[in-house]
């Protein structure tokens, strides 16, 4: 099944999340109405409205993950379609130009810099190449932050190594599944530490490759400071 093949299922999940959000908003609106609030009987209206706020936050977090999955699928498919439109006998330079032009267009649509779009598209493509991660993101079982961590930490691993890392954290039937909290139950910083620890134990040679890539990608960016009179830079 291609990238777009599962988009319908993802959109069904999005619609279900929006419907759940609508229901929570409607109940909250009814509790705000004096007559309906008075007929609520023994219900603690303020406590129930507090619970509804928390419920909406939970649904919105799931919806954000589902929409991130839609963006990942579409960005990856944009590149695939652009390359499919490129002549099969095109030289490497032409194929690279086609990919770069697509990244530029994605940057324009998302209103982000070209560098940010390039990094984001790389993460999208990696997530889409890891079906269990894409599935978890599509259902809202994990956030985009968690999916991005997997994309980052599988960089430099071959397909077998990446699949083993994903299975360890996302497949309870794996030979040696991760113990303790599920990925979505861990804050991103803690999840990254666990993923990185596993990768470095099982693929210590990847540390050197990642360091070399980090040195090659190192850059310095200058931008005007907020006070309008200075310049700040980031590395």
Foldseek 3Di string as FASTA:
>chain_A
DALCPCLVVLVVLLVVLVVVLVVLVVVLVLCVDVVSVVVPPPDPSVVSNVVSVVVNVLSVLLNQLQVVLVVLSVLQVLLVVQLVPDDPPDDPVVNVVSNLVSLVVVCVVVVHDSVVSVVSNQLSNQLSVQVLSSVCSSNSVAGVLLSSLLSVLCPQPPPVLSNLLCCQQRPPPDPHHDDDDHSRVDDSVVSSVVSNVVCCVVPVVSVVVVVVVCVVPDDKDWDQDPVRPHIDIDD
